[in-house]
Amino acid sequence: MTEAMKKLQDKVGVGADGHFGKNTAKAIAQHYELSNERAAHLMGQASHESGHWRHTRENLNYSADSMMRVWPSRFPDLASCEGYSRNPTALANKVYGGRMGNDANTNEGALFSGKGYLMITGKNNYRAFSSDMGLPEIMTDPDLVAEDYAFDTAMWFFNKNKLFDIADDGVNDETILKITRRVNGGTHGLTDRTGETKKIYEWLNA
């Protein structure tokens, strides 16, 4: 697991071994005063987005083939991938520059690439989190999102997008699908998201 998980465990008052399990899930729900339903949906989505709590930074170390599959309009052929494949910083600036509040002519695409357990992305989102939480240092040190505020950004995202209101409908396939579409923009990873959400819900109710 990651240092981010150990910091989260310290914050919620459970043994900081860096491994997410039943006791950590219960401690998170209690610390953040979340109902079992809200906690299960939040942690289920966060688990999937972070590769089961292993990653708090978006992996942009793409091969040319992967780039052409994920961004076919930006990378229509091998020649267009030159300089970007296996070059995460250059790729982030290419695909995120000039979007989501990022300046197209600076390193902001890479600086404000996906971080945290829900991988918030783009300067606009970082600025909104920074402002809402009273953390101006986020804008000068975006890595804090990955290191110190990985779970807090996930909480913030759910609050900001009213996903907790949807979570109140219960832990079932229909509700998980609705929340997945809001988090992902589609249904990528739905089977894993469903499995994680239901497993955590069982833990919380045990």
N, C-alpha and C. Protein backbone atom coordinates (compact mmCIF):
# COMPACT_ATOMS: atom_id res chain seq x y z
N MET A 1 0.84 -1.19 0.00
CA MET A 1 0.00 0.00 0.00
C MET A 1 0.88 1.26 0.00
N THR A 2 0.30 2.40 0.31
CA THR A 2 1.04 3.65 0.17
C THR A 2 1.16 4.39 1.49
N GLU A 3 2.05 5.37 1.48
CA GLU A 3 2.17 6.26 2.64
C GLU A 3 0.87 7.00 2.88
N ALA A 4 0.12 7.26 1.80
CA ALA A 4 -1.15 7.95 1.95
C ALA A 4 -2.11 7.15 2.83
N MET A 5 -2.12 5.83 2.68
CA MET A 5 -2.98 4.99 3.50
C MET A 5 -2.54 5.03 4.97
N LYS A 6 -1.23 5.01 5.20
CA LYS A 6 -0.73 5.09 6.58
C LYS A 6 -1.14 6.41 7.22
N LYS A 7 -1.06 7.50 6.46
CA LYS A 7 -1.47 8.81 6.99
C LYS A 7 -2.96 8.84 7.28
N LEU A 8 -3.74 8.22 6.41
CA LEU A 8 -5.18 8.15 6.64
C LEU A 8 -5.48 7.33 7.88
N GLN A 9 -4.80 6.20 8.04
CA GLN A 9 -5.02 5.37 9.21
C GLN A 9 -4.64 6.10 10.50
N ASP A 10 -3.55 6.86 10.46
CA ASP A 10 -3.17 7.68 11.62
C ASP A 10 -4.29 8.67 11.96
N LYS A 11 -4.83 9.29 10.93
CA LYS A 11 -5.86 10.31 11.12
C LYS A 11 -7.12 9.73 11.76
N VAL A 12 -7.50 8.51 11.35
CA VAL A 12 -8.76 7.94 11.85
C VAL A 12 -8.57 7.06 13.07
N GLY A 13 -7.31 6.95 13.53
CA GLY A 13 -7.05 6.27 14.80
C GLY A 13 -7.04 4.76 14.76
N VAL A 14 -6.46 4.21 13.70
CA VAL A 14 -6.33 2.75 13.60
C VAL A 14 -4.87 2.44 13.27
N GLY A 15 -4.43 1.23 13.57
CA GLY A 15 -3.03 0.86 13.33
C GLY A 15 -2.58 1.18 11.93
N ALA A 16 -1.51 1.96 11.81
CA ALA A 16 -1.06 2.44 10.50
C ALA A 16 -0.11 1.44 9.85
N ASP A 17 -0.69 0.34 9.36
CA ASP A 17 0.13 -0.67 8.69
C ASP A 17 0.12 -0.50 7.17
N GLY A 18 -0.66 0.46 6.68
CA GLY A 18 -0.70 0.72 5.24
C GLY A 18 -1.60 -0.19 4.45
N HIS A 19 -2.31 -1.10 5.13
CA HIS A 19 -3.19 -2.05 4.44
C HIS A 19 -4.65 -1.77 4.77
N PHE A 20 -5.45 -1.64 3.73
CA PHE A 20 -6.87 -1.37 3.89
C PHE A 20 -7.62 -2.66 4.18
N GLY A 21 -8.39 -2.67 5.26
CA GLY A 21 -9.19 -3.84 5.61
C GLY A 21 -10.40 -3.43 6.42
N LYS A 22 -11.05 -4.39 7.04
CA LYS A 22 -12.31 -4.15 7.75
C LYS A 22 -12.17 -3.08 8.85
N ASN A 23 -11.12 -3.18 9.65
CA ASN A 23 -10.96 -2.23 10.76
C ASN A 23 -10.73 -0.81 10.26
N THR A 24 -9.95 -0.69 9.19
CA THR A 24 -9.71 0.64 8.62
C THR A 24 -11.00 1.20 8.04
N ALA A 25 -11.76 0.38 7.34
CA ALA A 25 -13.03 0.83 6.75
C ALA A 25 -13.97 1.35 7.84
N LYS A 26 -14.07 0.61 8.92
CA LYS A 26 -14.96 1.03 10.02
C LYS A 26 -14.47 2.31 10.67
N ALA A 27 -13.15 2.43 10.83
CA ALA A 27 -12.59 3.63 11.44
C ALA A 27 -12.80 4.86 10.57
N ILE A 28 -12.67 4.69 9.25
CA ILE A 28 -12.91 5.80 8.32
C ILE A 28 -14.36 6.26 8.41
N ALA A 29 -15.29 5.31 8.37
CA ALA A 29 -16.71 5.66 8.43
C ALA A 29 -17.03 6.41 9.72
N GLN A 30 -16.47 5.95 10.82
CA GLN A 30 -16.74 6.59 12.12
C GLN A 30 -16.10 7.98 12.19
N HIS A 31 -14.85 8.09 11.76
CA HIS A 31 -14.14 9.37 11.85
C HIS A 31 -14.83 10.45 11.03
N TYR A 32 -15.26 10.09 9.83
CA TYR A 32 -15.88 11.06 8.94
C TYR A 32 -17.39 11.14 9.11
N GLU A 33 -17.91 10.40 10.09
CA GLU A 33 -19.35 10.42 10.43
C GLU A 33 -20.21 10.10 9.21
N LEU A 34 -19.84 9.01 8.55
CA LEU A 34 -20.56 8.57 7.36
C LEU A 34 -21.46 7.40 7.70
N SER A 35 -22.65 7.38 7.14
CA SER A 35 -23.51 6.19 7.26
C SER A 35 -22.83 5.03 6.55
N ASN A 36 -23.25 3.82 6.85
CA ASN A 36 -22.64 2.66 6.18
C ASN A 36 -22.82 2.72 4.68
N GLU A 37 -23.97 3.24 4.24
CA GLU A 37 -24.23 3.33 2.80
C GLU A 37 -23.29 4.34 2.14
N ARG A 38 -23.20 5.52 2.74
CA ARG A 38 -22.33 6.56 2.17
C ARG A 38 -20.86 6.11 2.18
N ALA A 39 -20.45 5.52 3.28
CA ALA A 39 -19.06 5.07 3.40
C ALA A 39 -18.74 3.98 2.38
N ALA A 40 -19.65 3.04 2.20
CA ALA A 40 -19.40 1.93 1.27
C ALA A 40 -19.28 2.43 -0.16
N HIS A 41 -20.16 3.34 -0.57
CA HIS A 41 -20.09 3.87 -1.93
C HIS A 41 -18.80 4.68 -2.14
N LEU A 42 -18.46 5.51 -1.18
CA LEU A 42 -17.26 6.32 -1.32
C LEU A 42 -16.01 5.44 -1.37
N MET A 43 -15.89 4.52 -0.42
CA MET A 43 -14.70 3.68 -0.38
C MET A 43 -14.65 2.68 -1.53
N GLY A 44 -15.80 2.21 -1.98
CA GLY A 44 -15.83 1.29 -3.12
C GLY A 44 -15.31 1.94 -4.38
N GLN A 45 -15.76 3.18 -4.64
CA GLN A 45 -15.29 3.91 -5.82
C GLN A 45 -13.82 4.29 -5.67
N ALA A 46 -13.43 4.73 -4.48
CA ALA A 46 -12.04 5.13 -4.25
C ALA A 46 -11.10 3.94 -4.41
N SER A 47 -11.54 2.78 -3.93
CA SER A 47 -10.72 1.58 -4.05
C SER A 47 -10.45 1.26 -5.51
N HIS A 48 -11.49 1.30 -6.32
CA HIS A 48 -11.29 0.98 -7.74
C HIS A 48 -10.39 2.02 -8.41
N GLU A 49 -10.68 3.29 -8.21
CA GLU A 49 -9.93 4.35 -8.90
C GLU A 49 -8.45 4.33 -8.53
N SER A 50 -8.13 3.87 -7.33
CA SER A 50 -6.73 3.89 -6.86
C SER A 50 -6.05 2.53 -6.99
N GLY A 51 -6.66 1.61 -7.75
CA GLY A 51 -6.07 0.29 -7.90
C GLY A 51 -6.02 -0.45 -6.58
N HIS A 52 -7.17 -0.41 -5.88
CA HIS A 52 -7.28 -1.03 -4.55
C HIS A 52 -6.30 -0.42 -3.56
N TRP A 53 -6.33 0.92 -3.53
CA TRP A 53 -5.59 1.74 -2.56
C TRP A 53 -4.08 1.77 -2.79
N ARG A 54 -3.63 1.31 -3.94
CA ARG A 54 -2.18 1.27 -4.19
C ARG A 54 -1.63 2.56 -4.78
N HIS A 55 -2.47 3.31 -5.49
CA HIS A 55 -1.97 4.46 -6.24
C HIS A 55 -2.74 5.73 -5.89
N THR A 56 -1.99 6.80 -5.68
CA THR A 56 -2.62 8.11 -5.48
C THR A 56 -2.17 9.10 -6.55
N ARG A 57 -1.50 8.58 -7.57
CA ARG A 57 -1.11 9.39 -8.72
C ARG A 57 -1.48 8.65 -10.00
N GLU A 58 -2.03 9.37 -10.93
CA GLU A 58 -2.41 8.79 -12.22
C GLU A 58 -1.18 8.27 -12.94
N ASN A 59 -1.30 7.06 -13.46
CA ASN A 59 -0.19 6.47 -14.21
C ASN A 59 -0.34 6.84 -15.69
N LEU A 60 0.55 7.71 -16.15
CA LEU A 60 0.51 8.15 -17.54
C LEU A 60 1.70 7.62 -18.34
N ASN A 61 2.26 6.53 -17.89
CA ASN A 61 3.39 5.90 -18.58
C ASN A 61 2.85 4.96 -19.66
N TYR A 62 2.29 5.54 -20.72
CA TYR A 62 1.57 4.79 -21.74
C TYR A 62 2.49 4.36 -22.89
N SER A 63 2.18 3.21 -23.44
CA SER A 63 2.81 2.80 -24.70
C SER A 63 2.08 3.51 -25.84
N ALA A 64 2.69 3.51 -27.00
CA ALA A 64 2.05 4.14 -28.16
C ALA A 64 0.71 3.47 -28.47
N ASP A 65 0.67 2.14 -28.41
CA ASP A 65 -0.58 1.43 -28.69
C ASP A 65 -1.68 1.86 -27.72
N SER A 66 -1.35 1.99 -26.45
CA SER A 66 -2.34 2.39 -25.46
C SER A 66 -2.82 3.82 -25.71
N MET A 67 -1.91 4.69 -26.06
CA MET A 67 -2.27 6.08 -26.35
C MET A 67 -3.24 6.17 -27.52
N MET A 68 -2.98 5.39 -28.56
CA MET A 68 -3.86 5.42 -29.73
C MET A 68 -5.24 4.87 -29.40
N ARG A 69 -5.29 3.93 -28.45
CA ARG A 69 -6.58 3.36 -28.06
C ARG A 69 -7.37 4.31 -27.16
N VAL A 70 -6.68 4.96 -26.21
CA VAL A 70 -7.35 5.83 -25.25
C VAL A 70 -7.69 7.19 -25.84
N TRP A 71 -6.77 7.75 -26.66
CA TRP A 71 -6.98 9.08 -27.25
C TRP A 71 -6.82 9.00 -28.77
N PRO A 72 -7.73 8.30 -29.45
CA PRO A 72 -7.56 8.10 -30.89
C PRO A 72 -7.56 9.40 -31.70
N SER A 73 -8.26 10.43 -31.23
CA SER A 73 -8.28 11.68 -32.01
C SER A 73 -6.97 12.45 -31.83
N ARG A 74 -6.33 12.32 -30.67
CA ARG A 74 -5.07 13.01 -30.42
C ARG A 74 -3.87 12.25 -30.98
N PHE A 75 -3.98 10.91 -30.95
CA PHE A 75 -2.88 10.06 -31.40
C PHE A 75 -3.40 9.05 -32.43
N PRO A 76 -3.63 9.52 -33.66
CA PRO A 76 -4.22 8.65 -34.68
C PRO A 76 -3.26 7.61 -35.27
N ASP A 77 -1.95 7.84 -35.10
CA ASP A 77 -0.98 6.91 -35.68
C ASP A 77 0.31 6.95 -34.86
N LEU A 78 1.23 6.04 -35.18
CA LEU A 78 2.47 5.94 -34.41
C LEU A 78 3.30 7.23 -34.46
N ALA A 79 3.27 7.89 -35.60
CA ALA A 79 4.06 9.12 -35.74
C ALA A 79 3.61 10.18 -34.73
N SER A 80 2.32 10.25 -34.49
CA SER A 80 1.78 11.26 -33.57
C SER A 80 2.16 10.96 -32.12
N CYS A 81 2.57 9.73 -31.85
CA CYS A 81 2.94 9.33 -30.48
C CYS A 81 4.39 9.66 -30.15
N GLU A 82 5.13 10.04 -31.17
CA GLU A 82 6.56 10.31 -30.98
C GLU A 82 6.78 11.38 -29.90
N GLY A 83 7.59 11.03 -28.91
CA GLY A 83 7.91 11.98 -27.84
C GLY A 83 6.96 11.93 -26.66
N TYR A 84 5.87 11.18 -26.81
CA TYR A 84 4.87 11.12 -25.73
C TYR A 84 4.77 9.74 -25.09
N SER A 85 5.05 8.69 -25.87
CA SER A 85 4.95 7.35 -25.29
C SER A 85 6.07 7.15 -24.26
N ARG A 86 5.69 6.55 -23.12
CA ARG A 86 6.62 6.33 -22.00
C ARG A 86 7.24 7.64 -21.51
N ASN A 87 6.50 8.74 -21.68
CA ASN A 87 6.96 10.05 -21.22
C ASN A 87 5.78 10.72 -20.50
N PRO A 88 5.54 10.34 -19.23
CA PRO A 88 4.34 10.79 -18.53
C PRO A 88 4.15 12.31 -18.47
N THR A 89 5.24 13.05 -18.24
CA THR A 89 5.11 14.50 -18.13
C THR A 89 4.68 15.12 -19.45
N ALA A 90 5.33 14.72 -20.52
CA ALA A 90 4.96 15.25 -21.84
C ALA A 90 3.54 14.86 -22.21
N LEU A 91 3.16 13.62 -21.90
CA LEU A 91 1.81 13.15 -22.23
C LEU A 91 0.77 13.93 -21.44
N ALA A 92 1.01 14.14 -20.15
CA ALA A 92 0.05 14.89 -19.32
C ALA A 92 -0.14 16.30 -19.86
N ASN A 93 0.96 16.95 -20.24
CA ASN A 93 0.84 18.31 -20.76
C ASN A 93 0.13 18.33 -22.11
N LYS A 94 0.29 17.26 -22.88
CA LYS A 94 -0.39 17.18 -24.18
C LYS A 94 -1.90 16.98 -24.01
N VAL A 95 -2.30 16.04 -23.16
CA VAL A 95 -3.72 15.69 -23.09
C VAL A 95 -4.51 16.57 -22.12
N TYR A 96 -3.83 17.18 -21.16
CA TYR A 96 -4.53 18.02 -20.18
C TYR A 96 -4.25 19.51 -20.33
N GLY A 97 -3.23 19.87 -21.10
CA GLY A 97 -2.93 21.28 -21.31
C GLY A 97 -4.03 21.98 -22.08
N GLY A 98 -4.38 23.20 -21.67
CA GLY A 98 -5.43 23.94 -22.35
C GLY A 98 -6.83 23.48 -22.00
N ARG A 99 -6.94 22.62 -20.97
CA ARG A 99 -8.24 22.10 -20.53
C ARG A 99 -8.33 22.18 -19.01
N MET A 100 -9.54 22.22 -18.49
CA MET A 100 -9.80 22.11 -17.05
C MET A 100 -9.03 23.16 -16.25
N GLY A 101 -8.80 24.31 -16.85
CA GLY A 101 -8.10 25.39 -16.17
C GLY A 101 -6.60 25.36 -16.33
N ASN A 102 -6.07 24.34 -16.99
CA ASN A 102 -4.62 24.22 -17.18
C ASN A 102 -4.16 25.09 -18.35
N ASP A 103 -3.06 25.80 -18.14
CA ASP A 103 -2.44 26.57 -19.21
C ASP A 103 -1.84 25.60 -20.23
N ALA A 104 -2.05 25.88 -21.49
CA ALA A 104 -1.56 24.98 -22.54
C ALA A 104 -0.06 25.09 -22.76
N ASN A 105 0.54 26.19 -22.34
CA ASN A 105 1.94 26.45 -22.66
C ASN A 105 2.88 26.30 -21.46
N THR A 106 2.40 25.65 -20.41
CA THR A 106 3.23 25.46 -19.23
C THR A 106 3.20 23.98 -18.84
N ASN A 107 3.68 23.68 -17.65
CA ASN A 107 3.72 22.31 -17.14
C ASN A 107 2.47 21.97 -16.33
N GLU A 108 1.42 22.80 -16.43
CA GLU A 108 0.25 22.61 -15.56
C GLU A 108 -0.50 21.32 -15.84
N GLY A 109 -0.46 20.82 -17.06
CA GLY A 109 -1.12 19.55 -17.35
C GLY A 109 -0.57 18.44 -16.49
N ALA A 110 0.75 18.43 -16.33
CA ALA A 110 1.40 17.41 -15.49
C ALA A 110 1.21 17.70 -14.01
N LEU A 111 1.37 18.98 -13.63
CA LEU A 111 1.24 19.35 -12.22
C LEU A 111 -0.13 18.99 -11.65
N PHE A 112 -1.17 19.23 -12.45
CA PHE A 112 -2.53 19.01 -11.99
C PHE A 112 -3.17 17.78 -12.64
N SER A 113 -2.34 16.77 -12.92
CA SER A 113 -2.86 15.49 -13.41
C SER A 113 -3.53 14.77 -12.24
N GLY A 114 -4.14 13.61 -12.51
CA GLY A 114 -4.95 12.92 -11.51
C GLY A 114 -4.18 12.55 -10.25
N LYS A 115 -4.72 12.97 -9.09
CA LYS A 115 -4.12 12.62 -7.81
C LYS A 115 -5.22 12.38 -6.78
N GLY A 116 -4.84 11.69 -5.70
CA GLY A 116 -5.81 11.36 -4.67
C GLY A 116 -6.50 10.04 -4.97
N TYR A 117 -7.32 9.57 -4.05
CA TYR A 117 -7.96 8.27 -4.23
C TYR A 117 -9.03 8.27 -5.33
N LEU A 118 -9.55 9.45 -5.69
CA LEU A 118 -10.49 9.51 -6.82
C LEU A 118 -9.86 10.21 -8.02
N MET A 119 -8.56 10.47 -7.94
CA MET A 119 -7.81 11.03 -9.06
C MET A 119 -8.43 12.33 -9.59
N ILE A 120 -8.59 13.33 -8.70
CA ILE A 120 -9.09 14.61 -9.20
C ILE A 120 -8.08 15.19 -10.17
N THR A 121 -8.57 15.80 -11.23
CA THR A 121 -7.73 16.21 -12.35
C THR A 121 -8.06 17.62 -12.79
N GLY A 122 -7.05 18.40 -13.12
CA GLY A 122 -7.24 19.73 -13.67
C GLY A 122 -7.13 20.83 -12.63
N LYS A 123 -6.53 21.95 -13.03
CA LYS A 123 -6.31 23.07 -12.11
C LYS A 123 -7.61 23.59 -11.52
N ASN A 124 -8.68 23.57 -12.29
CA ASN A 124 -9.96 24.05 -11.77
C ASN A 124 -10.41 23.23 -10.55
N ASN A 125 -10.27 21.91 -10.62
CA ASN A 125 -10.65 21.06 -9.50
C ASN A 125 -9.73 21.26 -8.31
N TYR A 126 -8.44 21.36 -8.56
CA TYR A 126 -7.49 21.61 -7.47
C TYR A 126 -7.79 22.94 -6.80
N ARG A 127 -8.09 23.96 -7.60
CA ARG A 127 -8.38 25.28 -7.04
C ARG A 127 -9.66 25.24 -6.21
N ALA A 128 -10.67 24.52 -6.70
CA ALA A 128 -11.93 24.44 -5.96
C ALA A 128 -11.73 23.70 -4.63
N PHE A 129 -10.98 22.60 -4.66
CA PHE A 129 -10.69 21.87 -3.42
C PHE A 129 -9.90 22.75 -2.45
N SER A 130 -8.88 23.40 -2.97
CA SER A 130 -8.04 24.28 -2.17
C SER A 130 -8.87 25.37 -1.49
N SER A 131 -9.77 25.98 -2.25
CA SER A 131 -10.60 27.06 -1.72
C SER A 131 -11.62 26.55 -0.71
N ASP A 132 -12.32 25.47 -1.06
CA ASP A 132 -13.36 24.94 -0.18
C ASP A 132 -12.80 24.46 1.15
N MET A 133 -11.60 23.92 1.13
CA MET A 133 -11.01 23.33 2.33
C MET A 133 -10.07 24.30 3.07
N GLY A 134 -9.86 25.50 2.50
CA GLY A 134 -8.97 26.46 3.13
C GLY A 134 -7.52 26.00 3.14
N LEU A 135 -7.09 25.44 2.00
CA LEU A 135 -5.73 24.90 1.89
C LEU A 135 -5.02 25.55 0.70
N PRO A 136 -4.63 26.82 0.82
CA PRO A 136 -3.99 27.51 -0.32
C PRO A 136 -2.70 26.85 -0.78
N GLU A 137 -2.04 26.10 0.12
CA GLU A 137 -0.76 25.49 -0.24
C GLU A 137 -0.90 24.43 -1.34
N ILE A 138 -2.12 23.94 -1.55
CA ILE A 138 -2.37 22.95 -2.61
C ILE A 138 -1.95 23.49 -3.97
N MET A 139 -2.17 24.77 -4.20
CA MET A 139 -1.92 25.33 -5.53
C MET A 139 -0.43 25.50 -5.82
N THR A 140 0.39 25.58 -4.79
CA THR A 140 1.83 25.67 -5.01
C THR A 140 2.52 24.32 -4.85
N ASP A 141 1.81 23.37 -4.22
CA ASP A 141 2.36 22.02 -4.04
C ASP A 141 1.25 20.98 -4.27
N PRO A 142 0.87 20.77 -5.55
CA PRO A 142 -0.23 19.84 -5.85
C PRO A 142 0.02 18.42 -5.38
N ASP A 143 1.28 18.05 -5.14
CA ASP A 143 1.56 16.69 -4.67
C ASP A 143 0.93 16.41 -3.31
N LEU A 144 0.58 17.45 -2.58
CA LEU A 144 -0.08 17.26 -1.28
C LEU A 144 -1.39 16.49 -1.43
N VAL A 145 -2.02 16.61 -2.60
CA VAL A 145 -3.27 15.88 -2.85
C VAL A 145 -3.01 14.38 -2.83
N ALA A 146 -1.89 13.98 -3.38
CA ALA A 146 -1.54 12.55 -3.41
C ALA A 146 -1.03 12.06 -2.07
N GLU A 147 -0.36 12.93 -1.33
CA GLU A 147 0.34 12.50 -0.12
C GLU A 147 -0.47 12.67 1.16
N ASP A 148 -1.09 13.85 1.33
CA ASP A 148 -1.75 14.18 2.60
C ASP A 148 -3.28 14.22 2.52
N TYR A 149 -3.81 14.47 1.34
CA TYR A 149 -5.26 14.69 1.24
C TYR A 149 -5.93 13.75 0.24
N ALA A 150 -5.36 12.55 0.09
CA ALA A 150 -5.90 11.60 -0.90
C ALA A 150 -7.35 11.26 -0.62
N PHE A 151 -7.68 10.99 0.65
CA PHE A 151 -9.06 10.64 0.98
C PHE A 151 -9.94 11.88 1.09
N ASP A 152 -9.38 12.98 1.59
CA ASP A 152 -10.16 14.20 1.72
C ASP A 152 -10.65 14.70 0.36
N THR A 153 -9.84 14.53 -0.68
CA THR A 153 -10.30 14.95 -2.00
C THR A 153 -11.45 14.07 -2.48
N ALA A 154 -11.42 12.79 -2.12
CA ALA A 154 -12.52 11.89 -2.50
C ALA A 154 -13.81 12.32 -1.78
N MET A 155 -13.70 12.63 -0.49
CA MET A 155 -14.84 13.14 0.28
C MET A 155 -15.38 14.42 -0.37
N TRP A 156 -14.46 15.31 -0.68
CA TRP A 156 -14.83 16.58 -1.30
C TRP A 156 -15.56 16.37 -2.62
N PHE A 157 -15.06 15.45 -3.44
CA PHE A 157 -15.68 15.19 -4.75
C PHE A 157 -17.10 14.67 -4.58
N PHE A 158 -17.29 13.74 -3.64
CA PHE A 158 -18.64 13.21 -3.39
C PHE A 158 -19.58 14.31 -2.90
N ASN A 159 -19.09 15.16 -2.00
CA ASN A 159 -19.92 16.27 -1.52
C ASN A 159 -20.25 17.24 -2.63
N LYS A 160 -19.22 17.63 -3.37
CA LYS A 160 -19.37 18.65 -4.42
C LYS A 160 -20.37 18.21 -5.49
N ASN A 161 -20.37 16.92 -5.80
CA ASN A 161 -21.22 16.40 -6.88
C ASN A 161 -22.48 15.70 -6.37
N LYS A 162 -22.76 15.92 -5.07
CA LYS A 162 -23.99 15.40 -4.45
C LYS A 162 -24.15 13.88 -4.59
N LEU A 163 -23.00 13.19 -4.57
CA LEU A 163 -23.04 11.73 -4.70
C LEU A 163 -23.50 11.05 -3.42
N PHE A 164 -23.31 11.72 -2.28
CA PHE A 164 -23.80 11.14 -1.04
C PHE A 164 -25.32 11.05 -1.04
N ASP A 165 -25.98 12.01 -1.69
CA ASP A 165 -27.44 11.97 -1.79
C ASP A 165 -27.89 10.73 -2.56
N ILE A 166 -27.14 10.40 -3.61
CA ILE A 166 -27.45 9.19 -4.38
C ILE A 166 -27.16 7.95 -3.54
N ALA A 167 -26.06 7.99 -2.79
CA ALA A 167 -25.67 6.84 -1.95
C ALA A 167 -26.75 6.50 -0.93
N ASP A 168 -27.53 7.49 -0.52
CA ASP A 168 -28.57 7.25 0.48
C ASP A 168 -29.66 6.31 -0.04
N ASP A 169 -29.69 6.06 -1.34
CA ASP A 169 -30.67 5.14 -1.92
C ASP A 169 -30.33 3.68 -1.61
N GLY A 170 -29.14 3.45 -1.03
CA GLY A 170 -28.78 2.10 -0.62
C GLY A 170 -27.66 1.50 -1.45
N VAL A 171 -27.16 0.38 -0.98
CA VAL A 171 -26.08 -0.31 -1.69
C VAL A 171 -26.70 -1.41 -2.55
N ASN A 172 -26.90 -1.09 -3.81
CA ASN A 172 -27.50 -2.01 -4.77
C ASN A 172 -26.94 -1.70 -6.14
N ASP A 173 -27.16 -2.60 -7.08
CA ASP A 173 -26.56 -2.46 -8.42
C ASP A 173 -26.95 -1.14 -9.10
N GLU A 174 -28.22 -0.75 -8.95
CA GLU A 174 -28.69 0.47 -9.63
C GLU A 174 -27.98 1.72 -9.09
N THR A 175 -27.84 1.79 -7.78
CA THR A 175 -27.20 2.95 -7.18
C THR A 175 -25.71 2.99 -7.49
N ILE A 176 -25.06 1.83 -7.45
CA ILE A 176 -23.64 1.77 -7.80
C ILE A 176 -23.43 2.22 -9.25
N LEU A 177 -24.32 1.82 -10.13
CA LEU A 177 -24.23 2.23 -11.54
C LEU A 177 -24.36 3.74 -11.68
N LYS A 178 -25.31 4.34 -10.97
CA LYS A 178 -25.51 5.80 -11.04
C LYS A 178 -24.25 6.54 -10.58
N ILE A 179 -23.69 6.09 -9.46
CA ILE A 179 -22.52 6.77 -8.92
C ILE A 179 -21.30 6.55 -9.82
N THR A 180 -21.17 5.35 -10.36
CA THR A 180 -20.06 5.06 -11.27
C THR A 180 -20.09 6.00 -12.47
N ARG A 181 -21.27 6.23 -13.02
CA ARG A 181 -21.38 7.12 -14.19
C ARG A 181 -20.96 8.54 -13.83
N ARG A 182 -21.23 8.98 -12.61
CA ARG A 182 -20.85 10.33 -12.19
C ARG A 182 -19.35 10.42 -11.91
N VAL A 183 -18.77 9.34 -11.40
CA VAL A 183 -17.34 9.34 -11.08
C VAL A 183 -16.50 9.14 -12.34
N ASN A 184 -16.91 8.21 -13.18
CA ASN A 184 -16.11 7.76 -14.31
C ASN A 184 -16.49 8.43 -15.63
N GLY A 185 -17.72 8.91 -15.72
CA GLY A 185 -18.21 9.43 -16.99
C GLY A 185 -18.74 8.32 -17.88
N GLY A 186 -18.65 7.07 -17.40
CA GLY A 186 -19.13 5.90 -18.12
C GLY A 186 -19.30 4.77 -17.13
N THR A 187 -19.02 3.56 -17.59
CA THR A 187 -19.19 2.40 -16.71
C THR A 187 -17.91 1.56 -16.62
N HIS A 188 -16.77 2.18 -16.91
CA HIS A 188 -15.50 1.44 -16.86
C HIS A 188 -15.27 0.87 -15.46
N GLY A 189 -14.94 -0.42 -15.39
CA GLY A 189 -14.63 -1.04 -14.11
C GLY A 189 -15.84 -1.30 -13.23
N LEU A 190 -17.02 -1.32 -13.83
CA LEU A 190 -18.25 -1.45 -13.03
C LEU A 190 -18.25 -2.72 -12.17
N THR A 191 -17.78 -3.83 -12.72
CA THR A 191 -17.79 -5.09 -11.96
C THR A 191 -16.94 -4.98 -10.70
N ASP A 192 -15.76 -4.40 -10.83
CA ASP A 192 -14.88 -4.24 -9.67
C ASP A 192 -15.45 -3.23 -8.69
N ARG A 193 -15.98 -2.13 -9.19
CA ARG A 193 -16.58 -1.11 -8.31
C ARG A 193 -17.73 -1.72 -7.51
N THR A 194 -18.53 -2.54 -8.18
CA THR A 194 -19.67 -3.18 -7.50
C THR A 194 -19.18 -4.14 -6.42
N GLY A 195 -18.19 -4.94 -6.77
CA GLY A 195 -17.66 -5.92 -5.81
C GLY A 195 -17.04 -5.24 -4.60
N GLU A 196 -16.27 -4.19 -4.83
CA GLU A 196 -15.63 -3.47 -3.72
C GLU A 196 -16.67 -2.80 -2.82
N THR A 197 -17.65 -2.15 -3.44
CA THR A 197 -18.67 -1.44 -2.66
C THR A 197 -19.46 -2.41 -1.79
N LYS A 198 -19.86 -3.53 -2.36
CA LYS A 198 -20.66 -4.50 -1.59
C LYS A 198 -19.82 -5.19 -0.51
N LYS A 199 -18.55 -5.46 -0.80
CA LYS A 199 -17.68 -6.07 0.20
C LYS A 199 -17.50 -5.14 1.40
N ILE A 200 -17.23 -3.87 1.12
CA ILE A 200 -17.03 -2.91 2.20
C ILE A 200 -18.31 -2.71 3.00
N TYR A 201 -19.44 -2.72 2.32
CA TYR A 201 -20.73 -2.59 3.01
C TYR A 201 -20.94 -3.74 3.96
N GLU A 202 -20.58 -4.94 3.54
CA GLU A 202 -20.68 -6.11 4.44
C GLU A 202 -19.77 -5.94 5.66
N TRP A 203 -18.55 -5.47 5.42
CA TRP A 203 -17.64 -5.23 6.54
C TRP A 203 -18.24 -4.25 7.54
N LEU A 204 -18.80 -3.17 7.04
CA LEU A 204 -19.32 -2.12 7.90
C LEU A 204 -20.53 -2.59 8.71
N ASN A 205 -21.23 -3.55 8.17
CA ASN A 205 -22.43 -4.06 8.84
C ASN A 205 -22.15 -5.30 9.71
N ALA A 206 -20.91 -5.75 9.68
CA ALA A 206 -20.57 -6.99 10.43
C ALA A 206 -20.49 -6.72 11.92
